[in-house]
PDB file of N, CA and C in Angstrom:
ATOM      1  N   MET A   1      89.083-215.108  77.183  1.00  0.00           N
ATOM      2  CA  MET A   1      88.704-216.172  76.299  1.00  0.00           C
ATOM      3  C   MET A   1      89.042-217.500  76.966  1.00  0.00           C
ATOM      4  N   THR A   2      88.112-218.422  76.951  1.00  0.00           N
ATOM      5  CA  THR A   2      88.335-219.749  77.517  1.00  0.00           C
ATOM      6  C   THR A   2      88.886-220.657  76.433  1.00  0.00           C
ATOM      7  N   ARG A   3      89.997-221.254  76.736  1.00  0.00           N
ATOM      8  CA  ARG A   3      90.641-222.164  75.792  1.00  0.00           C
ATOM      9  C   ARG A   3      90.494-223.584  76.323  1.00  0.00           C
ATOM     10  N   PRO A   4      90.521-224.582  75.434  1.00  0.00           N
ATOM     11  CA  PRO A   4      90.417-225.971  75.883  1.00  0.00           C
ATOM     12  C   PRO A   4      91.539-226.318  76.862  1.00  0.00           C
ATOM     13  N   GLN A   5      91.236-227.230  77.755  1.00  0.00           N
ATOM     14  CA  GLN A   5      92.234-227.689  78.723  1.00  0.00           C
ATOM     15  C   GLN A   5      92.956-228.947  78.245  1.00  0.00           C
ATOM     16  N   ASP A   6      92.293-229.743  77.427  1.00  0.00           N
ATOM     17  CA  ASP A   6      92.855-231.017  76.979  1.00  0.00           C
ATOM     18  C   ASP A   6      93.443-230.864  75.569  1.00  0.00           C
ATOM     19  N   TRP A   7      94.762-230.899  75.510  1.00  0.00           N
ATOM     20  CA  TRP A   7      95.464-230.795  74.233  1.00  0.00           C
ATOM     21  C   TRP A   7      96.170-232.105  73.890  1.00  0.00           C
ATOM     22  N   SER A   8      95.756-233.180  74.529  1.00  0.00           N
ATOM     23  CA  SER A   8      96.442-234.466  74.360  1.00  0.00           C
ATOM     24  C   SER A   8      96.338-235.004  72.941  1.00  0.00           C
ATOM     25  N   ALA A   9      95.302-234.637  72.198  1.00  0.00           N
ATOM     26  CA  ALA A   9      95.178-235.106  70.815  1.00  0.00           C
ATOM     27  C   ALA A   9      96.344-234.617  69.961  1.00  0.00           C
ATOM     28  N   LEU A  10      96.944-233.518  70.364  1.00  0.00           N
ATOM     29  CA  LEU A  10      98.115-232.979  69.657  1.00  0.00           C
ATOM     30  C   LEU A  10      99.420-233.327  70.363  1.00  0.00           C
ATOM     31  N   GLY A  11      99.317-234.076  71.453  1.00  0.00           N
ATOM     32  CA  GLY A  11     100.518-234.464  72.191  1.00  0.00           C
ATOM     33  C   GLY A  11     101.006-233.403  73.163  1.00  0.00           C
ATOM     34  N   TRP A  12     100.163-232.470  73.505  1.00  0.00           N
ATOM     35  CA  TRP A  12     100.523-231.403  74.441  1.00  0.00           C
ATOM     36  C   TRP A  12      99.816-231.643  75.762  1.00  0.00           C
ATOM     37  N   GLY A  13     100.503-231.367  76.840  1.00  0.00           N
ATOM     38  CA  GLY A  13      99.914-231.495  78.162  1.00  0.00           C
ATOM     39  C   GLY A  13      99.175-230.243  78.598  1.00  0.00           C
ATOM     40  N   SER A  14      99.389-229.149  77.872  1.00  0.00           N
ATOM     41  CA  SER A  14      98.724-227.893  78.192  1.00  0.00           C
ATOM     42  C   SER A  14      98.593-227.076  76.907  1.00  0.00           C
ATOM     43  N   ASP A  15      97.921-225.969  77.016  1.00  0.00           N
ATOM     44  CA  ASP A  15      97.686-225.088  75.874  1.00  0.00           C
ATOM     45  C   ASP A  15      99.028-224.668  75.258  1.00  0.00           C
ATOM     46  N   PRO A  16      99.275-224.981  73.986  1.00  0.00           N
ATOM     47  CA  PRO A  16     100.549-224.615  73.369  1.00  0.00           C
ATOM     48  C   PRO A  16     100.663-223.128  73.017  1.00  0.00           C
ATOM     49  N   VAL A  17      99.529-222.412  73.040  1.00  0.00           N
ATOM     50  CA  VAL A  17      99.530-220.979  72.711  1.00  0.00           C
ATOM     51  C   VAL A  17      98.720-220.228  73.769  1.00  0.00           C
ATOM     52  N   PRO A  18      99.258-220.139  74.999  1.00  0.00           N
ATOM     53  CA  PRO A  18      98.506-219.475  76.065  1.00  0.00           C
ATOM     54  C   PRO A  18      98.493-217.962  75.886  1.00  0.00           C
ATOM     55  N   GLY A  19      97.589-217.346  76.574  1.00  0.00           N
ATOM     56  CA  GLY A  19      97.518-215.884  76.548  1.00  0.00           C
ATOM     57  C   GLY A  19      96.133-215.414  76.158  1.00  0.00           C
ATOM     58  N   ASP A  20      95.926-214.130  76.263  1.00  0.00           N
ATOM     59  CA  ASP A  20      94.639-213.530  75.952  1.00  0.00           C
ATOM     60  C   ASP A  20      94.867-212.302  75.073  1.00  0.00           C
ATOM     61  N   PRO A  21      94.554-212.400  73.777  1.00  0.00           N
ATOM     62  CA  PRO A  21      94.768-211.269  72.885  1.00  0.00           C
ATOM     63  C   PRO A  21      94.038-209.998  73.339  1.00  0.00           C
ATOM     64  N   GLY A  22      92.885-210.146  73.960  1.00  0.00           N
ATOM     65  CA  GLY A  22      92.150-208.983  74.462  1.00  0.00           C
ATOM     66  C   GLY A  22      92.903-208.264  75.569  1.00  0.00           C
ATOM     67  N   THR A  23      93.499-209.030  76.450  1.00  0.00           N
ATOM     68  CA  THR A  23      94.306-208.436  77.526  1.00  0.00           C
ATOM     69  C   THR A  23      95.532-207.744  76.947  1.00  0.00           C
ATOM     70  N   VAL A  24      96.152-208.371  75.954  1.00  0.00           N
ATOM     71  CA  VAL A  24      97.314-207.759  75.302  1.00  0.00           C
ATOM     72  C   VAL A  24      96.907-206.423  74.684  1.00  0.00           C
ATOM     73  N   ALA A  25      95.758-206.382  74.021  1.00  0.00           N
ATOM     74  CA  ALA A  25      95.276-205.138  73.407  1.00  0.00           C
ATOM     75  C   ALA A  25      94.998-204.070  74.464  1.00  0.00           C
ATOM     76  N   THR A  26      94.422-204.479  75.588  1.00  0.00           N
ATOM     77  CA  THR A  26      94.145-203.534  76.672  1.00  0.00           C
ATOM     78  C   THR A  26      95.437-202.934  77.224  1.00  0.00           C
ATOM     79  N   VAL A  27      96.414-203.784  77.459  1.00  0.00           N
ATOM     80  CA  VAL A  27      97.697-203.310  77.984  1.00  0.00           C
ATOM     81  C   VAL A  27      98.385-202.404  76.954  1.00  0.00           C
ATOM     82  N   ALA A  28      98.309-202.778  75.683  1.00  0.00           N
ATOM     83  CA  ALA A  28      98.900-201.937  74.629  1.00  0.00           C
ATOM     84  C   ALA A  28      98.265-200.551  74.636  1.00  0.00           C
ATOM     85  N   GLY A  29      96.951-200.499  74.818  1.00  0.00           N
ATOM     86  CA  GLY A  29      96.262-199.210  74.884  1.00  0.00           C
ATOM     87  C   GLY A  29      96.701-198.381  76.076  1.00  0.00           C
ATOM     88  N   LYS A  30      96.915-199.037  77.201  1.00  0.00           N
ATOM     89  CA  LYS A  30      97.383-198.318  78.399  1.00  0.00           C
ATOM     90  C   LYS A  30      98.791-197.772  78.180  1.00  0.00           C
ATOM     91  N   TYR A  31      99.641-198.568  77.557  1.00  0.00           N
ATOM     92  CA  TYR A  31     100.990-198.087  77.247  1.00  0.00           C
ATOM     93  C   TYR A  31     100.922-196.904  76.281  1.00  0.00           C
ATOM     94  N   ARG A  32     100.042-196.992  75.281  1.00  0.00           N
ATOM     95  CA  ARG A  32      99.893-195.909  74.313  1.00  0.00           C
ATOM     96  C   ARG A  32      99.438-194.631  75.024  1.00  0.00           C
ATOM     97  N   THR A  33      98.473-194.748  75.928  1.00  0.00           N
ATOM     98  CA  THR A  33      97.994-193.593  76.692  1.00  0.00           C
ATOM     99  C   THR A  33      99.116-192.995  77.528  1.00  0.00           C
ATOM    100  N   THR A  34      99.914-193.856  78.144  1.00  0.00           N
ATOM    101  CA  THR A  34     101.041-193.383  78.950  1.00  0.00           C
ATOM    102  C   THR A  34     102.061-192.655  78.079  1.00  0.00           C
ATOM    103  N   ALA A  35     102.377-193.214  76.929  1.00  0.00           N
ATOM    104  CA  ALA A  35     103.330-192.563  76.020  1.00  0.00           C
ATOM    105  C   ALA A  35     102.819-191.194  75.587  1.00  0.00           C
ATOM    106  N   ASP A  36     101.526-191.097  75.309  1.00  0.00           N
ATOM    107  CA  ASP A  36     100.940-189.811  74.920  1.00  0.00           C
ATOM    108  C   ASP A  36     101.027-188.798  76.062  1.00  0.00           C
ATOM    109  N   ALA A  37     100.781-189.250  77.281  1.00  0.00           N
ATOM    110  CA  ALA A  37     100.853-188.347  78.438  1.00  0.00           C
ATOM    111  C   ALA A  37     102.281-187.865  78.672  1.00  0.00           C
ATOM    112  N   VAL A  38     103.232-188.753  78.526  1.00  0.00           N
ATOM    113  CA  VAL A  38     104.638-188.372  78.701  1.00  0.00           C
ATOM    114  C   VAL A  38     105.042-187.384  77.608  1.00  0.00           C
ATOM    115  N   SER A  39     104.590-187.630  76.397  1.00  0.00           N
ATOM    116  CA  SER A  39     104.878-186.719  75.289  1.00  0.00           C
ATOM    117  C   SER A  39     104.307-185.327  75.559  1.00  0.00           C
ATOM    118  N   GLN A  40     103.087-185.302  76.075  1.00  0.00           N
ATOM    119  CA  GLN A  40     102.457-184.018  76.401  1.00  0.00           C
ATOM    120  C   GLN A  40     103.206-183.289  77.503  1.00  0.00           C
ATOM    121  N   ALA A  41     103.660-184.019  78.501  1.00  0.00           N
ATOM    122  CA  ALA A  41     104.427-183.397  79.589  1.00  0.00           C
ATOM    123  C   ALA A  41     105.722-182.791  79.055  1.00  0.00           C
ATOM    124  N   SER A  42     106.390-183.512  78.176  1.00  0.00           N
ATOM    125  CA  SER A  42     107.620-182.998  77.584  1.00  0.00           C
ATOM    126  C   SER A  42     107.330-181.754  76.744  1.00  0.00           C
ATOM    127  N   ALA A  43     106.253-181.788  75.980  1.00  0.00           N
ATOM    128  CA  ALA A  43     105.880-180.628  75.155  1.00  0.00           C
ATOM    129  C   ALA A  43     105.542-179.420  76.027  1.00  0.00           C
ATOM    130  N   ASN A  44     104.881-179.663  77.141  1.00  0.00           N
ATOM    131  CA  ASN A  44     104.549-178.566  78.066  1.00  0.00           C
ATOM    132  C   ASN A  44     105.820-177.922  78.614  1.00  0.00           C
ATOM    133  N   LEU A  45     106.792-178.749  78.968  1.00  0.00           N
ATOM    134  CA  LEU A  45     108.064-178.208  79.461  1.00  0.00           C
ATOM    135  C   LEU A  45     108.789-177.432  78.365  1.00  0.00           C
ATOM    136  N   ALA A  46     108.676-177.888  77.134  1.00  0.00           N
ATOM    137  CA  ALA A  46     109.347-177.205  76.022  1.00  0.00           C
ATOM    138  C   ALA A  46     108.754-175.819  75.777  1.00  0.00           C
ATOM    139  N   ARG A  47     107.506-175.631  76.121  1.00  0.00           N
ATOM    140  CA  ARG A  47     106.843-174.351  75.890  1.00  0.00           C
ATOM    141  C   ARG A  47     107.179-173.295  76.944  1.00  0.00           C
ATOM    142  N   LEU A  48     107.856-173.686  77.991  1.00  0.00           N
ATOM    143  CA  LEU A  48     108.234-172.695  78.996  1.00  0.00           C
ATOM    144  C   LEU A  48     109.222-171.716  78.371  1.00  0.00           C
ATOM    145  N   ASP A  49     108.828-170.478  78.331  1.00  0.00           N
ATOM    146  CA  ASP A  49     109.704-169.454  77.733  1.00  0.00           C
ATOM    147  C   ASP A  49     110.140-168.480  78.811  1.00  0.00           C
ATOM    148  N   MET A  50     111.381-168.570  79.154  1.00  0.00           N
ATOM    149  CA  MET A  50     111.927-167.680  80.178  1.00  0.00           C
ATOM    150  C   MET A  50     113.149-166.958  79.623  1.00  0.00           C
ATOM    151  N   SER A  51     113.138-166.740  78.331  1.00  0.00           N
ATOM    152  CA  SER A  51     114.299-166.150  77.673  1.00  0.00           C
ATOM    153  C   SER A  51     114.588-164.720  78.131  1.00  0.00           C
ATOM    154  N   GLU A  52     113.597-164.027  78.639  1.00  0.00           N
ATOM    155  CA  GLU A  52     113.811-162.644  79.074  1.00  0.00           C
ATOM    156  C   GLU A  52     114.441-162.562  80.462  1.00  0.00           C
ATOM    157  N   ASN A  53     114.331-163.634  81.226  1.00  0.00           N
ATOM    158  CA  ASN A  53     114.923-163.641  82.566  1.00  0.00           C
ATOM    159  C   ASN A  53     116.355-164.149  82.465  1.00  0.00           C
ATOM    160  N   LYS A  54     117.275-163.429  83.035  1.00  0.00           N
ATOM    161  CA  LYS A  54     118.698-163.763  82.897  1.00  0.00           C
ATOM    162  C   LYS A  54     119.350-164.153  84.223  1.00  0.00           C
ATOM    163  N   SER A  55     118.586-164.520  85.213  1.00  0.00           N
ATOM    164  CA  SER A  55     119.178-164.814  86.522  1.00  0.00           C
ATOM    165  C   SER A  55     119.890-166.161  86.508  1.00  0.00           C
ATOM    166  N   LEU A  56     120.894-166.270  87.359  1.00  0.00           N
ATOM    167  CA  LEU A  56     121.657-167.508  87.480  1.00  0.00           C
ATOM    168  C   LEU A  56     120.774-168.644  88.011  1.00  0.00           C
ATOM    169  N   GLY A  57     119.903-168.314  88.960  1.00  0.00           N
ATOM    170  CA  GLY A  57     118.995-169.321  89.512  1.00  0.00           C
ATOM    171  C   GLY A  57     118.065-169.875  88.448  1.00  0.00           C
ATOM    172  N   LEU A  58     117.586-169.015  87.598  1.00  0.00           N
ATOM    173  CA  LEU A  58     116.696-169.451  86.529  1.00  0.00           C
ATOM    174  C   LEU A  58     117.445-170.319  85.515  1.00  0.00           C
ATOM    175  N   ALA A  59     118.688-169.981  85.261  1.00  0.00           N
ATOM    176  CA  ALA A  59     119.490-170.790  84.342  1.00  0.00           C
ATOM    177  C   ALA A  59     119.623-172.211  84.871  1.00  0.00           C
ATOM    178  N   THR A  60     119.789-172.344  86.167  1.00  0.00           N
ATOM    179  CA  THR A  60     119.881-173.666  86.785  1.00  0.00           C
ATOM    180  C   THR A  60     118.560-174.424  86.632  1.00  0.00           C
ATOM    181  N   VAL A  61     117.456-173.726  86.854  1.00  0.00           N
ATOM    182  CA  VAL A  61     116.129-174.341  86.688  1.00  0.00           C
ATOM    183  C   VAL A  61     115.933-174.793  85.242  1.00  0.00           C
ATOM    184  N   LEU A  62     116.316-173.953  84.299  1.00  0.00           N
ATOM    185  CA  LEU A  62     116.174-174.306  82.883  1.00  0.00           C
ATOM    186  C   LEU A  62     117.029-175.517  82.523  1.00  0.00           C
ATOM    187  N   ASP A  63     118.221-175.608  83.099  1.00  0.00           N
ATOM    188  CA  ASP A  63     119.061-176.779  82.868  1.00  0.00           C
ATOM    189  C   ASP A  63     118.376-178.045  83.392  1.00  0.00           C
ATOM    190  N   GLN A  64     117.755-177.925  84.564  1.00  0.00           N
ATOM    191  CA  GLN A  64     117.029-179.070  85.135  1.00  0.00           C
ATOM    192  C   GLN A  64     115.837-179.447  84.257  1.00  0.00           C
ATOM    193  N   ILE A  65     115.145-178.450  83.729  1.00  0.00           N
ATOM    194  CA  ILE A  65     114.002-178.722  82.841  1.00  0.00           C
ATOM    195  C   ILE A  65     114.477-179.462  81.593  1.00  0.00           C
ATOM    196  N   LYS A  66     115.601-179.045  81.043  1.00  0.00           N
ATOM    197  CA  LYS A  66     116.145-179.739  79.868  1.00  0.00           C
ATOM    198  C   LYS A  66     116.479-181.188  80.204  1.00  0.00           C
ATOM    199  N   ALA A  67     117.054-181.403  81.373  1.00  0.00           N
ATOM    200  CA  ALA A  67     117.400-182.768  81.791  1.00  0.00           C
ATOM    201  C   ALA A  67     116.147-183.623  81.949  1.00  0.00           C
ATOM    202  N   VAL A  68     115.123-183.039  82.544  1.00  0.00           N
ATOM    203  CA  VAL A  68     113.860-183.773  82.727  1.00  0.00           C
ATOM    204  C   VAL A  68     113.231-184.077  81.368  1.00  0.00           C
ATOM    205  N   ARG A  69     113.261-183.130  80.460  1.00  0.00           N
ATOM    206  CA  ARG A  69     112.712-183.354  79.113  1.00  0.00           C
ATOM    207  C   ARG A  69     113.441-184.496  78.419  1.00  0.00           C
ATOM    208  N   THR A  70     114.756-184.534  78.561  1.00  0.00           N
ATOM    209  CA  THR A  70     115.532-185.621  77.956  1.00  0.00           C
ATOM    210  C   THR A  70     115.099-186.964  78.532  1.00  0.00           C
ATOM    211  N   GLN A  71     114.917-187.009  79.845  1.00  0.00           N
ATOM    212  CA  GLN A  71     114.466-188.246  80.486  1.00  0.00           C
ATOM    213  C   GLN A  71     113.055-188.611  80.033  1.00  0.00           C
ATOM    214  N   LEU A  72     112.183-187.618  79.940  1.00  0.00           N
ATOM    215  CA  LEU A  72     110.816-187.886  79.488  1.00  0.00           C
ATOM    216  C   LEU A  72     110.804-188.402  78.054  1.00  0.00           C
ATOM    217  N   ASP A  73     111.648-187.834  77.210  1.00  0.00           N
ATOM    218  CA  ASP A  73     111.718-188.299  75.827  1.00  0.00           C
ATOM    219  C   ASP A  73     112.193-189.749  75.755  1.00  0.00           C
ATOM    220  N   ASP A  74     113.140-190.130  76.628  1.00  0.00           N
ATOM    221  CA  ASP A  74     113.598-191.519  76.688  1.00  0.00           C
ATOM    222  C   ASP A  74     112.474-192.446  77.148  1.00  0.00           C
ATOM    223  N   VAL A  75     111.753-192.009  78.169  1.00  0.00           N
ATOM    224  CA  VAL A  75     110.631-192.808  78.680  1.00  0.00           C
ATOM    225  C   VAL A  75     109.566-192.964  77.595  1.00  0.00           C
ATOM    226  N   GLU A  76     109.244-191.873  76.940  1.00  0.00           N
ATOM    227  CA  GLU A  76     108.237-191.930  75.875  1.00  0.00           C
ATOM    228  C   GLU A  76     108.646-192.930  74.800  1.00  0.00           C
ATOM    229  N   SER A  77     109.904-192.886  74.407  1.00  0.00           N
ATOM    230  CA  SER A  77     110.394-193.795  73.375  1.00  0.00           C
ATOM    231  C   SER A  77     110.245-195.257  73.803  1.00  0.00           C
ATOM    232  N   ARG A  78     110.593-195.539  75.049  1.00  0.00           N
ATOM    233  CA  ARG A  78     110.503-196.923  75.544  1.00  0.00           C
ATOM    234  C   ARG A  78     109.058-197.391  75.656  1.00  0.00           C
ATOM    235  N   VAL A  79     108.214-196.546  76.214  1.00  0.00           N
ATOM    236  CA  VAL A  79     106.811-196.922  76.402  1.00  0.00           C
ATOM    237  C   VAL A  79     106.115-197.039  75.052  1.00  0.00           C
ATOM    238  N   ASP A  80     106.439-196.137  74.143  1.00  0.00           N
ATOM    239  CA  ASP A  80     105.874-196.198  72.801  1.00  0.00           C
ATOM    240  C   ASP A  80     106.311-197.485  72.097  1.00  0.00           C
ATOM    241  N   GLY A  81     107.568-197.854  72.276  1.00  0.00           N
ATOM    242  CA  GLY A  81     108.056-199.100  71.689  1.00  0.00           C
ATOM    243  C   GLY A  81     107.361-200.322  72.261  1.00  0.00           C
ATOM    244  N   ALA A  82     107.138-200.315  73.562  1.00  0.00           N
ATOM    245  CA  ALA A  82     106.421-201.431  74.192  1.00  0.00           C
ATOM    246  C   ALA A  82     104.990-201.506  73.667  1.00  0.00           C
ATOM    247  N   SER A  83     104.358-200.360  73.538  1.00  0.00           N
ATOM    248  CA  SER A  83     102.992-200.324  73.008  1.00  0.00           C
ATOM    249  C   SER A  83     102.949-200.877  71.590  1.00  0.00           C
ATOM    250  N   ALA A  84     103.877-200.431  70.756  1.00  0.00           N
ATOM    251  CA  ALA A  84     103.911-200.904  69.368  1.00  0.00           C
ATOM    252  C   ALA A  84     104.134-202.418  69.305  1.00  0.00           C
ATOM    253  N   ALA A  85     105.014-202.920  70.155  1.00  0.00           N
ATOM    254  CA  ALA A  85     105.279-204.357  70.174  1.00  0.00           C
ATOM    255  C   ALA A  85     104.030-205.135  70.578  1.00  0.00           C
ATOM    256  N   LEU A  86     103.330-204.654  71.597  1.00  0.00           N
ATOM    257  CA  LEU A  86     102.108-205.327  72.040  1.00  0.00           C
ATOM    258  C   LEU A  86     101.002-205.217  70.996  1.00  0.00           C
ATOM    259  N   GLU A  87     100.903-204.064  70.343  1.00  0.00           N
ATOM    260  CA  GLU A  87      99.903-203.894  69.283  1.00  0.00           C
ATOM    261  C   GLU A  87     100.164-204.855  68.129  1.00  0.00           C
ATOM    262  N   TYR A  88     101.419-205.142  67.865  1.00  0.00           N
ATOM    263  CA  TYR A  88     101.782-206.094  66.816  1.00  0.00           C
ATOM    264  C   TYR A  88     101.523-207.531  67.285  1.00  0.00           C
ATOM    265  N   TYR A  89     101.892-207.812  68.530  1.00  0.00           N
ATOM    266  CA  TYR A  89     101.813-209.175  69.066  1.00  0.00           C
ATOM    267  C   TYR A  89     100.378-209.659  69.264  1.00  0.00           C
ATOM    268  N   GLY A  90      99.509-208.795  69.778  1.00  0.00           N
ATOM    269  CA  GLY A  90      98.149-209.214  70.124  1.00  0.00           C
ATOM    270  C   GLY A  90      97.396-209.910  68.996  1.00  0.00           C
ATOM    271  N   PRO A  91      97.285-209.295  67.820  1.00  0.00           N
ATOM    272  CA  PRO A  91      96.570-209.960  66.729  1.00  0.00           C
ATOM    273  C   PRO A  91      97.235-211.263  66.282  1.00  0.00           C
ATOM    274  N   ARG A  92      98.554-211.310  66.313  1.00  0.00           N
ATOM    275  CA  ARG A  92      99.244-212.538  65.913  1.00  0.00           C
ATOM    276  C   ARG A  92      99.025-213.654  66.932  1.00  0.00           C
ATOM    277  N   LEU A  93      98.926-213.281  68.202  1.00  0.00           N
ATOM    278  CA  LEU A  93      98.581-214.259  69.225  1.00  0.00           C
ATOM    279  C   LEU A  93      97.198-214.837  68.928  1.00  0.00           C
ATOM    280  N   GLY A  94      96.256-213.969  68.608  1.00  0.00           N
ATOM    281  CA  GLY A  94      94.905-214.426  68.265  1.00  0.00           C
ATOM    282  C   GLY A  94      94.907-215.359  67.067  1.00  0.00           C
ATOM    283  N   GLU A  95      95.686-215.019  66.041  1.00  0.00           N
ATOM    284  CA  GLU A  95      95.779-215.871  64.853  1.00  0.00           C
ATOM    285  C   GLU A  95      96.382-217.229  65.203  1.00  0.00           C
ATOM    286  N   ALA A  96      97.435-217.219  65.995  1.00  0.00           N
ATOM    287  CA  ALA A  96      98.078-218.473  66.398  1.00  0.00           C
ATOM    288  C   ALA A  96      97.131-219.332  67.229  1.00  0.00           C
ATOM    289  N   GLN A  97      96.363-218.686  68.098  1.00  0.00           N
ATOM    290  CA  GLN A  97      95.404-219.434  68.901  1.00  0.00           C
ATOM    291  C   GLN A  97      94.313-220.043  68.018  1.00  0.00           C
ATOM    292  N   GLN A  98      93.866-219.310  67.019  1.00  0.00           N
ATOM    293  CA  GLN A  98      92.853-219.842  66.107  1.00  0.00           C
ATOM    294  C   GLN A  98      93.404-221.043  65.351  1.00  0.00           C
ATOM    295  N   LEU A  99      94.633-220.947  64.867  1.00  0.00           N
ATOM    296  CA  LEU A  99      95.253-222.077  64.169  1.00  0.00           C
ATOM    297  C   LEU A  99      95.401-223.280  65.095  1.00  0.00           C
ATOM    298  N   SER A 100      95.757-223.024  66.357  1.00  0.00           N
ATOM    299  CA  SER A 100      95.917-224.144  67.287  1.00  0.00           C
ATOM    300  C   SER A 100      94.578-224.820  67.561  1.00  0.00           C
ATOM    301  N   LEU A 101      93.501-224.032  67.616  1.00  0.00           N
ATOM    302  CA  LEU A 101      92.164-224.619  67.808  1.00  0.00           C
ATOM    303  C   LEU A 101      91.760-225.467  66.607  1.00  0.00           C
ATOM    304  N   GLU A 102      92.080-224.989  65.420  1.00  0.00           N
ATOM    305  CA  GLU A 102      91.775-225.757  64.211  1.00  0.00           C
ATOM    306  C   GLU A 102      92.573-227.057  64.193  1.00  0.00           C
ATOM    307  N   ALA A 103      93.846-226.994  64.563  1.00  0.00           N
ATOM    308  CA  ALA A 103      94.683-228.198  64.610  1.00  0.00           C
ATOM    309  C   ALA A 103      94.156-229.180  65.650  1.00  0.00           C
ATOM    310  N   LEU A 104      93.737-228.656  66.799  1.00  0.00           N
ATOM    311  CA  LEU A 104      93.181-229.517  67.844  1.00  0.00           C
ATOM    312  C   LEU A 104      91.907-230.198  67.361  1.00  0.00           C
ATOM    313  N   SER A 105      91.055-229.454  66.722  1.00  0.00           N
ATOM    314  CA  SER A 105      89.808-230.014  66.211  1.00  0.00           C
ATOM    315  C   SER A 105      90.084-231.131  65.209  1.00  0.00           C
ATOM    316  N   GLU A 106      91.023-230.896  64.304  1.00  0.00           N
ATOM    317  CA  GLU A 106      91.382-231.917  63.312  1.00  0.00           C
ATOM    318  C   GLU A 106      92.003-233.142  63.982  1.00  0.00           C
ATOM    319  N   ALA A 107      92.845-232.927  64.961  1.00  0.00           N
ATOM    320  CA  ALA A 107      93.488-234.040  65.659  1.00  0.00           C
ATOM    321  C   ALA A 107      92.469-234.862  66.443  1.00  0.00           C
ATOM    322  N   GLU A 108      91.513-234.172  67.078  1.00  0.00           N
ATOM    323  CA  GLU A 108      90.484-234.892  67.822  1.00  0.00           C
ATOM    324  C   GLU A 108      89.603-235.709  66.883  1.00  0.00           C
ATOM    325  N   ALA A 109      89.276-235.142  65.730  1.00  0.00           N
ATOM    326  CA  ALA A 109      88.476-235.873  64.740  1.00  0.00           C
ATOM    327  C   ALA A 109      89.249-237.100  64.242  1.00  0.00           C
ATOM    328  N   ALA A 110      90.532-236.939  63.994  1.00  0.00           N
ATOM    329  CA  ALA A 110      91.351-238.066  63.543  1.00  0.00           C
ATOM    330  C   ALA A 110      91.446-239.135  64.631  1.00  0.00           C
ATOM    331  N   ARG A 111      91.571-238.713  65.876  1.00  0.00           N
ATOM    332  CA  ARG A 111      91.650-239.666  66.988  1.00  0.00           C
ATOM    333  C   ARG A 111      90.340-240.432  67.116  1.00  0.00           C
ATOM    334  N   GLN A 112      89.217-239.745  66.988  1.00  0.00           N
ATOM    335  CA  GLN A 112      87.907-240.411  67.053  1.00  0.00           C
ATOM    336  C   GLN A 112      87.730-241.385  65.898  1.00  0.00           C
ATOM    337  N   ALA A 113      88.182-240.990  64.709  1.00  0.00           N
ATOM    338  CA  ALA A 113      88.080-241.881  63.551  1.00  0.00           C
ATOM    339  C   ALA A 113      88.940-243.117  63.755  1.00  0.00           C
ATOM    340  N   ALA A 114      90.122-242.942  64.332  1.00  0.00           N
ATOM    341  CA  ALA A 114      91.012-244.077  64.589  1.00  0.00           C
ATOM    342  C   ALA A 114      90.382-245.023  65.614  1.00  0.00           C
ATOM    343  N   ARG A 115      89.768-244.467  66.648  1.00  0.00           N
ATOM    344  CA  ARG A 115      89.113-245.299  67.660  1.00  0.00           C
ATOM    345  C   ARG A 115      87.924-246.057  67.055  1.00  0.00           C
ATOM    346  N   ALA A 116      87.175-245.356  66.205  1.00  0.00           N
ATOM    347  CA  ALA A 116      86.016-245.995  65.569  1.00  0.00           C
ATOM    348  C   ALA A 116      86.466-247.128  64.658  1.00  0.00           C
ATOM    349  N   SER A 117      87.551-246.930  63.950  1.00  0.00           N
ATOM    350  CA  SER A 117      88.025-247.998  63.044  1.00  0.00           C
ATOM    351  C   SER A 117      88.560-249.186  63.832  1.00  0.00           C
ATOM    352  N   GLN A 118      89.142-248.937  65.011  1.00  0.00           N
ATOM    353  CA  GLN A 118      89.617-250.026  65.848  1.00  0.00           C
ATOM    354  C   GLN A 118      88.443-250.824  66.422  1.00  0.00           C
ATOM    355  N   THR A 119      87.378-250.096  66.761  1.00  0.00           N
ATOM    356  CA  THR A 119      86.207-250.745  67.313  1.00  0.00           C
ATOM    357  C   THR A 119      85.509-251.589  66.255  1.00  0.00           C
ATOM    358  N   ALA A 120      85.486-251.066  65.033  1.00  0.00           N
ATOM    359  CA  ALA A 120      84.830-251.781  63.938  1.00  0.00           C
ATOM    360  C   ALA A 120      85.697-252.967  63.556  1.00  0.00           C
TER     361      ALA A 120
END
């Protein structure tokens, strides 16, 4: 989205609400996809059933699988949280940008009216 470059009517030297809500939504979707993939990997590891095998080597492997699952669950939680935060932030960024555009439009109209009254 292209935003105005001149915010001087509001006393700003640059865009007071920078960013791209569409990009935020895209990144949120990628994080969501990653969280789903990590969740699936953890679920796949949980389905490994080796209860009939009693070897010491297998017990070590199973311990490692449990450790990896714990790490995957932590990663999923973090990535899911980031996705949720971005999903929440994106629309609010868009709303804030819309409000800033409305304020800019009103300020520019007021500035033009002030200039016209000075000229008259």
